[in-house]
């Protein structure tokens, strides 16, 4: 009998909650005061509403101005622009001026690119030819290297002549093929 009583007490303990459950309390319910509500504020419609309300008729007016007339005549906006702005009336003159500018630029480009180049070879540091170790060289016995400078000048001139010949042949072939 003792075992049955022990088991029954154990089952009763499991079914009974171990801690008392408390209901939640909120700050608005505390201190026993009656419920206060936030004060009523009269809010306006706001700027966005008025902007939208103004854009609806403005959009309709802009659309009606931009549409061409019944017989294909220009729209009211186009007529107003062409009367008030000379920029739109002289497009032919502007196009002619631009064409002349482009042709002059092309002429100048050809003039500068195919003009003769200077045959002078600039040695940036000619003193490097005469630089070297000062050891074991008696004073006044450094060799004269002007003939080396002349050799490189002639070599550069020959290279420029070769390039010129090649360009002349190429332009002659282009003229023959275009004829």
Protein backbone atom coordinates (compact mmCIF):
# COMPACT_ATOMS: atom_id res chain seq x y z
CA UNK A 1 0.00 0.00 0.00
CA UNK A 2 2.89 2.25 0.73
CA UNK A 3 4.17 1.83 -2.85
CA UNK A 4 0.80 2.83 -4.29
CA UNK A 5 0.65 5.94 -2.15
CA UNK A 6 4.18 6.94 -3.17
CA UNK A 7 3.38 6.46 -6.82
CA UNK A 8 0.16 8.45 -6.59
CA UNK A 9 1.93 11.34 -4.89
CA UNK A 10 4.59 11.31 -7.63
CA UNK A 11 1.98 11.40 -10.40
CA UNK A 12 0.08 14.20 -8.62
CA UNK A 13 3.26 16.26 -8.36
CA UNK A 14 3.92 15.90 -12.08
CA UNK A 15 0.47 17.02 -13.10
CA UNK A 16 0.52 20.04 -10.79
CA UNK A 17 2.46 23.08 -12.08
CA UNK A 18 5.72 23.56 -10.27
CA UNK A 19 5.61 27.35 -10.18
CA UNK A 20 2.69 29.66 -10.13
CA UNK A 21 2.01 31.21 -13.46
CA UNK A 22 1.66 34.96 -13.27
CA UNK A 23 -0.20 37.02 -15.80
CA UNK A 24 1.74 39.64 -17.71
CA UNK A 25 1.44 43.22 -16.72
CA UNK A 26 1.99 46.09 -19.06
CA UNK A 27 3.15 49.59 -18.32
CA UNK A 28 -0.18 51.03 -19.36
CA UNK A 29 -1.94 48.90 -16.77
CA UNK A 30 0.38 49.63 -13.88
CA UNK A 31 -0.30 51.65 -10.76
CA UNK A 32 -3.99 51.07 -10.97
CA UNK A 33 -4.67 54.23 -12.99
CA UNK A 34 -7.40 54.38 -15.52
CA UNK A 35 -6.22 54.16 -19.11
CA UNK A 36 -4.87 57.37 -20.68
CA UNK A 37 -4.69 57.76 -24.42
CA UNK A 38 -2.22 59.84 -26.47
CA UNK A 39 -3.51 63.32 -27.24
CA UNK A 40 -5.21 63.73 -30.59
CA UNK A 41 -3.16 65.68 -33.14
CA UNK A 42 -4.68 67.16 -36.25
CA UNK A 43 -2.34 66.15 -39.07
CA UNK A 44 -2.41 67.82 -42.46
CA UNK A 45 -2.24 66.03 -45.79
CA UNK A 46 1.43 66.86 -46.29
CA UNK A 47 3.48 68.34 -49.09
CA UNK A 48 3.55 65.18 -51.20
CA UNK A 49 -0.22 65.18 -51.57
CA UNK A 50 -0.31 68.77 -52.79
CA UNK A 51 2.59 68.19 -55.20
CA UNK A 52 0.82 65.17 -56.64
CA UNK A 53 -2.46 67.06 -56.84
CA UNK A 54 -0.70 69.85 -58.78
CA UNK A 55 1.14 67.46 -61.11
CA UNK A 56 -2.01 65.80 -62.42
CA UNK A 57 -3.43 68.88 -64.23
CA UNK A 58 0.10 70.09 -65.12
CA UNK A 59 0.80 66.76 -66.83
CA UNK A 60 -2.41 66.99 -68.83
CA UNK A 61 -1.64 70.56 -69.92
CA UNK A 62 1.93 69.63 -70.90
CA UNK A 63 0.69 66.64 -72.90
CA UNK A 64 -1.91 68.69 -74.74
CA UNK A 65 0.66 71.39 -75.60
CA UNK A 66 3.14 68.86 -76.96
CA UNK A 67 0.67 67.13 -79.33
CA UNK A 68 0.71 68.23 -83.00
CA UNK A 69 -2.30 69.88 -84.56
CA UNK A 70 -5.13 68.15 -86.44
CA UNK A 71 -3.64 68.74 -89.91
CA UNK A 72 -0.08 67.82 -89.00
CA UNK A 73 0.83 71.38 -88.03
CA UNK A 74 3.51 71.79 -85.35
CA UNK A 75 2.51 71.68 -81.70
CA UNK A 76 2.00 74.82 -79.64
CA UNK A 77 5.22 74.11 -77.74
CA UNK A 78 7.21 73.74 -80.97
CA UNK A 79 5.79 76.95 -82.37
CA UNK A 80 6.64 78.83 -79.18
CA UNK A 81 10.22 77.44 -79.16
CA UNK A 82 10.79 78.28 -82.82
CA UNK A 83 9.53 81.84 -82.31
CA UNK A 84 11.51 82.55 -79.14
CA UNK A 85 14.80 80.76 -79.74
CA UNK A 86 16.94 81.38 -82.81
CA UNK A 87 19.03 78.33 -81.96
CA UNK A 88 16.42 76.09 -83.57
CA UNK A 89 16.01 78.24 -86.68
CA UNK A 90 19.60 78.38 -87.91
CA UNK A 91 20.43 74.67 -87.87
CA UNK A 92 21.68 74.76 -91.45
CA UNK A 93 24.20 77.50 -90.65
CA UNK A 94 25.38 75.59 -87.56
CA UNK A 95 25.83 72.38 -89.54
CA UNK A 96 27.84 74.21 -92.20
CA UNK A 97 30.11 75.77 -89.58
CA UNK A 98 30.66 72.41 -87.90
CA UNK A 99 31.48 70.76 -91.20
CA UNK A 100 34.02 73.47 -91.99
CA UNK A 101 35.61 73.06 -88.55
CA UNK A 102 35.92 69.29 -89.01
CA UNK A 103 37.43 69.67 -92.49
CA UNK A 104 39.97 72.22 -91.21
CA UNK A 105 40.91 69.92 -88.33
CA UNK A 106 41.45 67.02 -90.75
CA UNK A 107 43.60 69.24 -92.97
CA UNK A 108 45.70 70.37 -90.00
CA UNK A 109 46.11 66.78 -88.83
CA UNK A 110 47.45 65.68 -92.21
CA UNK A 111 49.70 68.72 -92.36
CA UNK A 112 51.26 67.98 -88.97
CA UNK A 113 51.51 64.20 -89.33
CA UNK A 114 53.16 64.12 -92.76
CA UNK A 115 55.47 67.10 -92.49
CA UNK A 116 59.21 66.48 -92.61
CA UNK A 117 60.89 65.63 -89.36
CA UNK A 118 64.08 67.13 -88.05
CA UNK A 119 67.19 65.16 -88.98
CA UNK A 120 69.01 66.32 -85.88
CA UNK A 121 69.58 63.51 -83.37
CA UNK A 122 69.45 64.85 -79.87
CA UNK A 123 71.80 63.13 -77.51
CA UNK A 124 70.32 63.59 -74.10
CA UNK A 125 73.54 62.81 -72.29
CA UNK A 126 76.57 63.06 -74.61
CA UNK A 127 78.86 63.18 -71.59
CA UNK A 128 78.18 59.47 -71.08
CA UNK A 129 80.39 58.70 -74.09
CA UNK A 130 83.37 60.17 -72.30
CA UNK A 131 82.57 58.81 -68.90
CA UNK A 132 84.48 55.90 -67.59
CA UNK A 133 86.91 54.83 -65.00
CA UNK A 134 89.59 57.43 -64.28
CA UNK A 135 91.98 54.75 -63.07
CA UNK A 136 94.93 53.73 -65.21
CA UNK A 137 94.31 56.55 -67.72
CA UNK A 138 97.03 59.18 -67.89
CA UNK A 139 95.84 62.77 -67.81
CA UNK A 140 94.90 64.10 -71.27
CA UNK A 141 94.78 60.65 -72.86
CA UNK A 142 90.99 60.07 -73.05
CA UNK A 143 89.99 59.18 -76.62
CA UNK A 144 87.94 61.56 -78.77
CA UNK A 145 84.55 59.95 -79.40
CA UNK A 146 83.07 62.46 -81.85
CA UNK A 147 83.13 59.85 -84.58
CA UNK A 148 80.75 57.68 -82.46
CA UNK A 149 78.25 60.54 -82.22
CA UNK A 150 78.46 61.05 -86.00
CA UNK A 151 77.91 57.32 -86.59
CA UNK A 152 74.65 57.35 -84.60
CA UNK A 153 73.48 60.52 -86.34
CA UNK A 154 73.98 58.88 -89.75
CA UNK A 155 72.24 55.73 -88.56
CA UNK A 156 69.17 57.74 -87.42
CA UNK A 157 69.09 59.63 -90.76
CA UNK A 158 69.19 56.34 -92.70
CA UNK A 159 66.31 54.98 -90.59
CA UNK A 160 64.21 58.10 -91.28
CA UNK A 161 64.90 57.76 -95.04
CA UNK A 162 63.83 54.11 -94.94
CA UNK A 163 60.56 55.04 -93.20
CA UNK A 164 59.92 57.83 -95.71
CA UNK A 165 60.48 55.45 -98.67
CA UNK A 166 58.09 52.91 -97.16
CA UNK A 167 55.37 55.55 -96.62
CA UNK A 168 55.83 56.88 -100.17
CA UNK A 169 55.42 53.37 -101.64
CA UNK A 170 52.34 52.76 -99.51
CA UNK A 171 50.68 56.03 -100.55
CA UNK A 172 51.50 55.30 -104.21
CA UNK A 173 49.83 51.87 -103.93
CA UNK A 174 46.75 53.41 -102.29
CA UNK A 175 46.47 55.98 -105.09
CA UNK A 176 46.77 53.29 -107.77
CA UNK A 177 44.16 51.08 -106.08
CA UNK A 178 41.70 53.98 -105.68
CA UNK A 179 42.04 54.96 -109.39
